[in-house]
Amino acid sequence: MIEHGEMTALGLPPGGWVALSMIVVIAIILWKKVPAAIAASLDKKIAGIRTQLDEASRLRAEAEALKAEYESKASAAAGEAASIVSHAYAEAAAIVDKAKADAETLIARRGKMAEDKIAAAERGAVAELRAKAASAAAAAAAQIIGEKLDAGSDKALVDRTIASLGQRPN
């Protein structure tokens, strides 16, 4: 078996080179003041975050004030809406009552008009019936007179009528 030895460069094994390179990188970082730059950058970010937190607190306070204002306005609007609704119900009830009264008045007036029309129709029917009865009686009388009276009986009737005219007191 052949044994292989570990490779070295300039007498340093690979782990030594890694350690040496890390020391060089850390030395450069310290020499260029990178930790101070990182700290300054972080301080700047912290200041920006503090400013944002202060702004957020101020905005929250404003939002709470607006919320309280709008809640008071909403409660006032709810009260006003309730008042409007109750007023509307009262007006609706008044309108319904007036409509009922108007309907009753209209029904009474229309009933009276119907009764008047019926009475007028009855009077017209009675008058028409009387006219027809009188016309029928006159036609019947004319027919009977025409059948029963002749020229001789007409002369006697006229003579009696003339004689009776002279006897009437004026």
N, C-alpha and C. Protein backbone atom coordinates (compact mmCIF):
# COMPACT_ATOMS: atom_id res chain seq x y z
N MET A 1 0.79 -1.15 0.00
CA MET A 1 0.00 0.00 0.00
C MET A 1 0.85 1.23 0.00
N ILE A 2 0.31 2.12 -0.71
CA ILE A 2 1.07 3.35 -0.85
C ILE A 2 0.38 4.41 0.00
N GLU A 3 1.18 5.08 0.74
CA GLU A 3 0.63 6.14 1.56
C GLU A 3 0.81 7.45 0.86
N HIS A 4 -0.27 8.17 0.88
CA HIS A 4 -0.18 9.50 0.25
C HIS A 4 -0.10 10.54 1.36
N GLY A 5 0.69 11.46 1.19
CA GLY A 5 0.83 12.51 2.16
C GLY A 5 -0.06 13.69 1.78
N GLU A 6 -0.27 14.55 2.71
CA GLU A 6 -1.12 15.70 2.46
C GLU A 6 -0.35 16.71 1.67
N MET A 7 -1.06 17.37 0.76
CA MET A 7 -0.39 18.32 -0.12
C MET A 7 -0.17 19.63 0.64
N THR A 8 0.89 20.30 0.33
CA THR A 8 1.17 21.56 0.97
C THR A 8 1.63 22.54 -0.07
N ALA A 9 1.42 23.78 0.21
CA ALA A 9 1.92 24.82 -0.68
C ALA A 9 2.66 25.78 0.21
N LEU A 10 3.88 26.01 -0.12
CA LEU A 10 4.76 26.86 0.66
C LEU A 10 4.78 26.41 2.12
N GLY A 11 4.57 25.17 2.33
CA GLY A 11 4.67 24.58 3.64
C GLY A 11 3.40 24.66 4.45
N LEU A 12 2.33 25.18 3.88
CA LEU A 12 1.07 25.27 4.61
C LEU A 12 0.10 24.25 4.03
N PRO A 13 -0.54 23.53 4.89
CA PRO A 13 -1.55 22.60 4.38
C PRO A 13 -2.80 23.40 3.97
N PRO A 14 -3.79 22.78 3.30
CA PRO A 14 -5.00 23.51 2.85
C PRO A 14 -5.72 24.20 4.00
N GLY A 15 -5.84 23.60 5.14
CA GLY A 15 -6.49 24.24 6.28
C GLY A 15 -5.75 25.48 6.72
N GLY A 16 -4.45 25.49 6.63
CA GLY A 16 -3.67 26.66 6.99
C GLY A 16 -3.93 27.79 6.04
N TRP A 17 -4.01 27.49 4.75
CA TRP A 17 -4.32 28.53 3.75
C TRP A 17 -5.70 29.15 4.02
N VAL A 18 -6.64 28.32 4.36
CA VAL A 18 -8.00 28.84 4.65
C VAL A 18 -7.93 29.76 5.85
N ALA A 19 -7.22 29.37 6.88
CA ALA A 19 -7.11 30.19 8.07
C ALA A 19 -6.40 31.50 7.77
N LEU A 20 -5.30 31.43 6.96
CA LEU A 20 -4.55 32.62 6.60
C LEU A 20 -5.42 33.58 5.80
N SER A 21 -6.20 33.03 4.83
CA SER A 21 -7.05 33.90 4.01
C SER A 21 -8.15 34.55 4.86
N MET A 22 -8.66 33.85 5.85
CA MET A 22 -9.68 34.43 6.72
C MET A 22 -9.09 35.56 7.55
N ILE A 23 -7.85 35.38 8.01
CA ILE A 23 -7.20 36.43 8.80
C ILE A 23 -6.99 37.66 7.94
N VAL A 24 -6.60 37.47 6.66
CA VAL A 24 -6.38 38.60 5.75
C VAL A 24 -7.70 39.33 5.51
N VAL A 25 -8.78 38.59 5.27
CA VAL A 25 -10.09 39.21 4.99
C VAL A 25 -10.54 39.99 6.21
N ILE A 26 -10.37 39.42 7.40
CA ILE A 26 -10.80 40.12 8.62
C ILE A 26 -9.95 41.37 8.82
N ALA A 27 -8.65 41.29 8.52
CA ALA A 27 -7.77 42.45 8.67
C ALA A 27 -8.19 43.54 7.71
N ILE A 28 -8.54 43.20 6.48
CA ILE A 28 -8.98 44.21 5.49
C ILE A 28 -10.28 44.85 5.96
N ILE A 29 -11.20 44.02 6.47
CA ILE A 29 -12.48 44.54 6.94
C ILE A 29 -12.26 45.53 8.07
N LEU A 30 -11.37 45.20 8.99
CA LEU A 30 -11.10 46.10 10.10
C LEU A 30 -10.37 47.36 9.63
N TRP A 31 -9.44 47.22 8.68
CA TRP A 31 -8.67 48.33 8.17
C TRP A 31 -9.55 49.32 7.42
N LYS A 32 -10.56 48.82 6.67
CA LYS A 32 -11.47 49.68 5.90
C LYS A 32 -12.63 50.20 6.77
N LYS A 33 -12.63 49.86 8.04
CA LYS A 33 -13.63 50.30 9.00
C LYS A 33 -15.05 49.89 8.58
N VAL A 34 -15.17 48.68 8.10
CA VAL A 34 -16.47 48.16 7.69
C VAL A 34 -17.42 48.04 8.88
N PRO A 35 -16.99 47.58 10.07
CA PRO A 35 -17.93 47.51 11.19
C PRO A 35 -18.49 48.88 11.54
N ALA A 36 -17.68 49.92 11.46
CA ALA A 36 -18.18 51.27 11.75
C ALA A 36 -19.20 51.69 10.69
N ALA A 37 -18.92 51.36 9.44
CA ALA A 37 -19.86 51.69 8.36
C ALA A 37 -21.17 50.93 8.54
N ILE A 38 -21.06 49.66 8.93
CA ILE A 38 -22.27 48.86 9.17
C ILE A 38 -23.04 49.45 10.34
N ALA A 39 -22.32 49.82 11.41
CA ALA A 39 -22.99 50.42 12.58
C ALA A 39 -23.65 51.73 12.20
N ALA A 40 -22.97 52.57 11.39
CA ALA A 40 -23.56 53.85 10.96
C ALA A 40 -24.81 53.59 10.11
N SER A 41 -24.72 52.61 9.23
CA SER A 41 -25.87 52.26 8.39
C SER A 41 -27.03 51.77 9.25
N LEU A 42 -26.72 50.92 10.22
CA LEU A 42 -27.77 50.42 11.10
C LEU A 42 -28.36 51.55 11.94
N ASP A 43 -27.50 52.47 12.41
CA ASP A 43 -28.00 53.62 13.17
C ASP A 43 -28.94 54.47 12.31
N LYS A 44 -28.55 54.64 11.05
CA LYS A 44 -29.39 55.42 10.12
C LYS A 44 -30.74 54.72 9.92
N LYS A 45 -30.71 53.39 9.77
CA LYS A 45 -31.96 52.63 9.60
C LYS A 45 -32.81 52.72 10.87
N ILE A 46 -32.14 52.63 12.04
CA ILE A 46 -32.87 52.72 13.31
C ILE A 46 -33.55 54.09 13.41
N ALA A 47 -32.84 55.16 13.05
CA ALA A 47 -33.42 56.51 13.08
C ALA A 47 -34.61 56.60 12.12
N GLY A 48 -34.47 56.00 10.93
CA GLY A 48 -35.58 56.01 9.96
C GLY A 48 -36.79 55.25 10.49
N ILE A 49 -36.52 54.11 11.14
CA ILE A 49 -37.62 53.31 11.70
C ILE A 49 -38.28 54.08 12.84
N ARG A 50 -37.47 54.78 13.69
CA ARG A 50 -38.04 55.59 14.77
C ARG A 50 -38.94 56.68 14.19
N THR A 51 -38.47 57.32 13.13
CA THR A 51 -39.27 58.38 12.49
C THR A 51 -40.59 57.79 11.97
N GLN A 52 -40.49 56.63 11.35
CA GLN A 52 -41.71 55.98 10.83
C GLN A 52 -42.64 55.60 11.97
N LEU A 53 -42.07 55.10 13.09
CA LEU A 53 -42.91 54.76 14.24
C LEU A 53 -43.59 55.99 14.82
N ASP A 54 -42.83 57.10 14.91
CA ASP A 54 -43.43 58.35 15.40
C ASP A 54 -44.56 58.80 14.48
N GLU A 55 -44.31 58.72 13.16
CA GLU A 55 -45.33 59.10 12.17
C GLU A 55 -46.55 58.18 12.29
N ALA A 56 -46.28 56.87 12.48
CA ALA A 56 -47.38 55.92 12.62
C ALA A 56 -48.19 56.22 13.88
N SER A 57 -47.51 56.57 14.98
CA SER A 57 -48.21 56.91 16.22
C SER A 57 -49.08 58.15 16.02
N ARG A 58 -48.51 59.16 15.34
CA ARG A 58 -49.27 60.38 15.06
C ARG A 58 -50.49 60.06 14.18
N LEU A 59 -50.28 59.25 13.14
CA LEU A 59 -51.39 58.89 12.26
C LEU A 59 -52.45 58.07 13.00
N ARG A 60 -51.99 57.21 13.91
CA ARG A 60 -52.94 56.42 14.70
C ARG A 60 -53.79 57.34 15.58
N ALA A 61 -53.15 58.31 16.21
CA ALA A 61 -53.89 59.26 17.05
C ALA A 61 -54.91 60.03 16.21
N GLU A 62 -54.49 60.47 15.02
CA GLU A 62 -55.42 61.17 14.12
C GLU A 62 -56.56 60.25 13.71
N ALA A 63 -56.24 58.99 13.41
CA ALA A 63 -57.26 58.03 12.99
C ALA A 63 -58.25 57.78 14.13
N GLU A 64 -57.75 57.67 15.35
CA GLU A 64 -58.65 57.47 16.49
C GLU A 64 -59.54 58.68 16.70
N ALA A 65 -58.98 59.88 16.52
CA ALA A 65 -59.79 61.10 16.65
C ALA A 65 -60.86 61.13 15.56
N LEU A 66 -60.48 60.79 14.33
CA LEU A 66 -61.47 60.74 13.24
C LEU A 66 -62.52 59.68 13.51
N LYS A 67 -62.08 58.54 14.03
CA LYS A 67 -63.03 57.46 14.33
C LYS A 67 -64.03 57.92 15.37
N ALA A 68 -63.56 58.57 16.42
CA ALA A 68 -64.45 59.08 17.46
C ALA A 68 -65.42 60.11 16.88
N GLU A 69 -64.90 60.99 16.02
CA GLU A 69 -65.76 62.00 15.39
C GLU A 69 -66.83 61.35 14.52
N TYR A 70 -66.41 60.37 13.72
CA TYR A 70 -67.38 59.71 12.85
C TYR A 70 -68.36 58.85 13.63
N GLU A 71 -67.92 58.27 14.74
CA GLU A 71 -68.85 57.52 15.59
C GLU A 71 -69.90 58.45 16.17
N SER A 72 -69.48 59.64 16.60
CA SER A 72 -70.46 60.60 17.14
C SER A 72 -71.40 61.07 16.03
N LYS A 73 -70.85 61.30 14.83
CA LYS A 73 -71.71 61.69 13.70
C LYS A 73 -72.66 60.56 13.33
N ALA A 74 -72.17 59.32 13.38
CA ALA A 74 -73.02 58.18 13.05
C ALA A 74 -74.14 58.02 14.06
N SER A 75 -73.82 58.20 15.35
CA SER A 75 -74.87 58.09 16.36
C SER A 75 -75.88 59.23 16.20
N ALA A 76 -75.39 60.43 15.88
CA ALA A 76 -76.31 61.55 15.64
C ALA A 76 -77.17 61.27 14.41
N ALA A 77 -76.55 60.72 13.38
CA ALA A 77 -77.32 60.39 12.16
C ALA A 77 -78.33 59.29 12.45
N ALA A 78 -77.96 58.32 13.29
CA ALA A 78 -78.89 57.25 13.64
C ALA A 78 -80.08 57.83 14.40
N GLY A 79 -79.81 58.75 15.31
CA GLY A 79 -80.90 59.41 16.04
C GLY A 79 -81.79 60.20 15.11
N GLU A 80 -81.17 60.91 14.19
CA GLU A 80 -81.94 61.69 13.22
C GLU A 80 -82.75 60.78 12.31
N ALA A 81 -82.15 59.66 11.91
CA ALA A 81 -82.87 58.69 11.07
C ALA A 81 -84.06 58.12 11.82
N ALA A 82 -83.87 57.81 13.10
CA ALA A 82 -84.99 57.30 13.91
C ALA A 82 -86.09 58.35 14.01
N SER A 83 -85.70 59.60 14.18
CA SER A 83 -86.69 60.69 14.24
C SER A 83 -87.44 60.81 12.92
N ILE A 84 -86.71 60.71 11.82
CA ILE A 84 -87.33 60.80 10.49
C ILE A 84 -88.30 59.64 10.28
N VAL A 85 -87.87 58.45 10.70
CA VAL A 85 -88.73 57.27 10.53
C VAL A 85 -90.00 57.42 11.36
N SER A 86 -89.87 57.84 12.62
CA SER A 86 -91.06 58.00 13.46
C SER A 86 -91.97 59.09 12.89
N HIS A 87 -91.37 60.16 12.39
CA HIS A 87 -92.18 61.23 11.76
C HIS A 87 -92.88 60.70 10.52
N ALA A 88 -92.18 59.89 9.74
CA ALA A 88 -92.78 59.31 8.53
C ALA A 88 -93.94 58.39 8.89
N TYR A 89 -93.76 57.58 9.98
CA TYR A 89 -94.86 56.72 10.41
C TYR A 89 -96.06 57.55 10.85
N ALA A 90 -95.80 58.64 11.57
CA ALA A 90 -96.89 59.51 12.01
C ALA A 90 -97.61 60.12 10.81
N GLU A 91 -96.84 60.60 9.83
CA GLU A 91 -97.45 61.17 8.63
C GLU A 91 -98.24 60.12 7.86
N ALA A 92 -97.68 58.92 7.77
CA ALA A 92 -98.38 57.84 7.06
C ALA A 92 -99.69 57.51 7.76
N ALA A 93 -99.67 57.46 9.09
CA ALA A 93 -100.90 57.19 9.84
C ALA A 93 -101.93 58.30 9.60
N ALA A 94 -101.47 59.55 9.59
CA ALA A 94 -102.39 60.67 9.33
C ALA A 94 -102.97 60.58 7.92
N ILE A 95 -102.13 60.22 6.97
CA ILE A 95 -102.59 60.09 5.59
C ILE A 95 -103.61 58.96 5.48
N VAL A 96 -103.34 57.85 6.16
CA VAL A 96 -104.28 56.72 6.13
C VAL A 96 -105.61 57.12 6.77
N ASP A 97 -105.55 57.82 7.92
CA ASP A 97 -106.79 58.27 8.57
C ASP A 97 -107.57 59.21 7.67
N LYS A 98 -106.87 60.15 7.03
CA LYS A 98 -107.54 61.09 6.12
C LYS A 98 -108.14 60.35 4.93
N ALA A 99 -107.40 59.37 4.41
CA ALA A 99 -107.91 58.60 3.28
C ALA A 99 -109.17 57.82 3.68
N LYS A 100 -109.16 57.26 4.91
CA LYS A 100 -110.36 56.55 5.38
C LYS A 100 -111.54 57.50 5.48
N ALA A 101 -111.29 58.67 6.07
CA ALA A 101 -112.37 59.66 6.22
C ALA A 101 -112.87 60.10 4.85
N ASP A 102 -111.94 60.36 3.92
CA ASP A 102 -112.34 60.77 2.57
C ASP A 102 -113.11 59.66 1.88
N ALA A 103 -112.69 58.41 2.08
CA ALA A 103 -113.38 57.28 1.46
C ALA A 103 -114.80 57.15 2.02
N GLU A 104 -114.93 57.32 3.35
CA GLU A 104 -116.26 57.24 3.94
C GLU A 104 -117.15 58.36 3.42
N THR A 105 -116.59 59.57 3.30
CA THR A 105 -117.35 60.69 2.77
C THR A 105 -117.76 60.43 1.32
N LEU A 106 -116.82 59.92 0.54
CA LEU A 106 -117.11 59.61 -0.86
C LEU A 106 -118.17 58.54 -0.98
N ILE A 107 -118.08 57.50 -0.13
CA ILE A 107 -119.08 56.43 -0.17
C ILE A 107 -120.45 56.99 0.18
N ALA A 108 -120.52 57.84 1.22
CA ALA A 108 -121.80 58.43 1.61
C ALA A 108 -122.36 59.31 0.48
N ARG A 109 -121.48 60.13 -0.13
CA ARG A 109 -121.92 61.00 -1.21
C ARG A 109 -122.39 60.19 -2.41
N ARG A 110 -121.63 59.15 -2.76
CA ARG A 110 -122.03 58.31 -3.90
C ARG A 110 -123.32 57.55 -3.59
N GLY A 111 -123.50 57.12 -2.32
CA GLY A 111 -124.75 56.46 -1.93
C GLY A 111 -125.93 57.40 -2.07
N LYS A 112 -125.74 58.66 -1.62
CA LYS A 112 -126.80 59.68 -1.75
C LYS A 112 -127.11 59.93 -3.22
N MET A 113 -126.04 60.02 -4.04
CA MET A 113 -126.26 60.24 -5.49
C MET A 113 -127.02 59.06 -6.09
N ALA A 114 -126.67 57.84 -5.68
CA ALA A 114 -127.36 56.66 -6.20
C ALA A 114 -128.81 56.67 -5.76
N GLU A 115 -129.06 57.03 -4.48
CA GLU A 115 -130.45 57.11 -4.01
C GLU A 115 -131.22 58.17 -4.79
N ASP A 116 -130.58 59.33 -5.03
CA ASP A 116 -131.23 60.39 -5.81
C ASP A 116 -131.54 59.93 -7.22
N LYS A 117 -130.59 59.20 -7.84
CA LYS A 117 -130.83 58.70 -9.20
C LYS A 117 -131.96 57.69 -9.20
N ILE A 118 -131.99 56.82 -8.18
CA ILE A 118 -133.07 55.83 -8.10
C ILE A 118 -134.41 56.52 -7.92
N ALA A 119 -134.47 57.54 -7.03
CA ALA A 119 -135.72 58.28 -6.80
C ALA A 119 -136.14 58.99 -8.08
N ALA A 120 -135.18 59.60 -8.80
CA ALA A 120 -135.51 60.29 -10.06
C ALA A 120 -136.00 59.28 -11.09
N ALA A 121 -135.35 58.12 -11.13
CA ALA A 121 -135.79 57.09 -12.08
C ALA A 121 -137.19 56.59 -11.72
N GLU A 122 -137.49 56.45 -10.41
CA GLU A 122 -138.83 56.05 -9.98
C GLU A 122 -139.85 57.11 -10.38
N ARG A 123 -139.51 58.40 -10.12
CA ARG A 123 -140.44 59.48 -10.51
C ARG A 123 -140.66 59.49 -12.01
N GLY A 124 -139.56 59.29 -12.77
CA GLY A 124 -139.68 59.26 -14.23
C GLY A 124 -140.53 58.08 -14.69
N ALA A 125 -140.33 56.93 -14.03
CA ALA A 125 -141.10 55.74 -14.42
C ALA A 125 -142.58 55.94 -14.09
N VAL A 126 -142.87 56.53 -12.89
CA VAL A 126 -144.27 56.79 -12.51
C VAL A 126 -144.90 57.79 -13.48
N ALA A 127 -144.16 58.86 -13.82
CA ALA A 127 -144.69 59.85 -14.76
C ALA A 127 -144.92 59.22 -16.13
N GLU A 128 -143.96 58.38 -16.56
CA GLU A 128 -144.13 57.72 -17.86
C GLU A 128 -145.31 56.76 -17.83
N LEU A 129 -145.47 56.04 -16.70
CA LEU A 129 -146.59 55.12 -16.56
C LEU A 129 -147.91 55.90 -16.56
N ARG A 130 -147.95 57.02 -15.85
CA ARG A 130 -149.17 57.85 -15.84
C ARG A 130 -149.48 58.37 -17.24
N ALA A 131 -148.41 58.82 -17.94
CA ALA A 131 -148.62 59.34 -19.30
C ALA A 131 -149.15 58.24 -20.21
N LYS A 132 -148.58 57.04 -20.08
CA LYS A 132 -149.05 55.93 -20.90
C LYS A 132 -150.47 55.54 -20.52
N ALA A 133 -150.75 55.57 -19.19
CA ALA A 133 -152.11 55.23 -18.73
C ALA A 133 -153.10 56.28 -19.25
N ALA A 134 -152.73 57.56 -19.15
CA ALA A 134 -153.62 58.62 -19.64
C ALA A 134 -153.81 58.50 -21.14
N SER A 135 -152.70 58.21 -21.84
CA SER A 135 -152.80 58.05 -23.29
C SER A 135 -153.69 56.87 -23.63
N ALA A 136 -153.50 55.76 -22.88
CA ALA A 136 -154.33 54.57 -23.13
C ALA A 136 -155.78 54.87 -22.79
N ALA A 137 -156.03 55.61 -21.67
CA ALA A 137 -157.40 55.95 -21.28
C ALA A 137 -158.04 56.87 -22.31
N ALA A 138 -157.25 57.83 -22.79
CA ALA A 138 -157.78 58.76 -23.81
C ALA A 138 -158.10 57.99 -25.08
N ALA A 139 -157.23 57.06 -25.47
CA ALA A 139 -157.48 56.28 -26.68
C ALA A 139 -158.69 55.39 -26.49
N ALA A 140 -158.81 54.79 -25.29
CA ALA A 140 -159.97 53.93 -25.01
C ALA A 140 -161.23 54.77 -24.99
N ALA A 141 -161.15 55.95 -24.34
CA ALA A 141 -162.33 56.82 -24.29
C ALA A 141 -162.72 57.27 -25.68
N ALA A 142 -161.73 57.59 -26.51
CA ALA A 142 -162.04 58.02 -27.88
C ALA A 142 -162.69 56.88 -28.65
N GLN A 143 -162.15 55.70 -28.41
CA GLN A 143 -162.73 54.54 -29.12
C GLN A 143 -164.15 54.28 -28.64
N ILE A 144 -164.41 54.36 -27.32
CA ILE A 144 -165.74 54.10 -26.77
C ILE A 144 -166.70 55.19 -27.23
N ILE A 145 -166.24 56.45 -27.16
CA ILE A 145 -167.09 57.56 -27.59
C ILE A 145 -167.39 57.41 -29.07
N GLY A 146 -166.38 57.02 -29.82
CA GLY A 146 -166.58 56.84 -31.25
C GLY A 146 -167.58 55.74 -31.54
N GLU A 147 -167.59 54.70 -30.71
CA GLU A 147 -168.51 53.59 -30.93
C GLU A 147 -169.90 53.92 -30.42
N LYS A 148 -170.01 54.65 -29.31
CA LYS A 148 -171.30 54.86 -28.67
C LYS A 148 -172.01 56.12 -29.16
N LEU A 149 -171.32 57.11 -29.56
CA LEU A 149 -171.96 58.37 -29.94
C LEU A 149 -172.06 58.48 -31.45
N ASP A 150 -173.16 59.02 -31.84
CA ASP A 150 -173.34 59.30 -33.27
C ASP A 150 -173.70 60.78 -33.38
N ALA A 151 -174.11 61.24 -34.54
CA ALA A 151 -174.36 62.66 -34.75
C ALA A 151 -175.56 63.14 -33.94
N GLY A 152 -176.56 62.33 -33.77
CA GLY A 152 -177.76 62.72 -33.00
C GLY A 152 -177.45 62.85 -31.55
N SER A 153 -176.72 61.93 -31.01
CA SER A 153 -176.40 62.01 -29.58
C SER A 153 -175.41 63.14 -29.33
N ASP A 154 -174.56 63.46 -30.33
CA ASP A 154 -173.65 64.60 -30.20
C ASP A 154 -174.45 65.90 -30.07
N LYS A 155 -175.51 66.05 -30.86
CA LYS A 155 -176.31 67.27 -30.84
C LYS A 155 -176.98 67.45 -29.50
N ALA A 156 -177.51 66.36 -28.92
CA ALA A 156 -178.17 66.44 -27.62
C ALA A 156 -177.15 66.79 -26.54
N LEU A 157 -175.95 66.24 -26.61
CA LEU A 157 -174.90 66.51 -25.64
C LEU A 157 -174.48 67.97 -25.73
N VAL A 158 -174.34 68.51 -26.92
CA VAL A 158 -173.94 69.90 -27.10
C VAL A 158 -175.04 70.82 -26.57
N ASP A 159 -176.30 70.48 -26.83
CA ASP A 159 -177.41 71.31 -26.36
C ASP A 159 -177.45 71.34 -24.83
N ARG A 160 -177.24 70.21 -24.20
CA ARG A 160 -177.25 70.15 -22.73
C ARG A 160 -176.09 70.95 -22.16
N THR A 161 -174.96 70.90 -22.80
CA THR A 161 -173.79 71.61 -22.32
C THR A 161 -174.03 73.11 -22.44
N ILE A 162 -174.64 73.55 -23.55
CA ILE A 162 -174.91 74.98 -23.75
C ILE A 162 -175.93 75.45 -22.73
N ALA A 163 -176.89 74.63 -22.46
CA ALA A 163 -177.90 75.01 -21.49
C ALA A 163 -177.30 75.10 -20.10
N SER A 164 -176.42 74.23 -19.80
CA SER A 164 -175.81 74.26 -18.47
C SER A 164 -174.84 75.44 -18.30
N LEU A 165 -174.37 75.99 -19.37
CA LEU A 165 -173.46 77.13 -19.30
C LEU A 165 -174.23 78.37 -18.80
N GLY A 166 -175.39 78.48 -19.20
CA GLY A 166 -176.16 79.64 -18.78
C GLY A 166 -176.55 79.57 -17.34
N GLN A 167 -176.58 78.45 -16.75
CA GLN A 167 -177.02 78.27 -15.38
C GLN A 167 -175.88 78.42 -14.36
N ARG A 168 -174.72 78.41 -14.74
CA ARG A 168 -173.58 78.49 -13.80
C ARG A 168 -173.44 79.92 -13.28
N PRO A 169 -173.27 80.09 -12.02
CA PRO A 169 -173.03 81.42 -11.48
C PRO A 169 -171.58 81.83 -11.75
N ASN A 170 -171.40 83.09 -12.06
CA ASN A 170 -170.05 83.62 -12.36
C ASN A 170 -169.41 84.17 -11.16
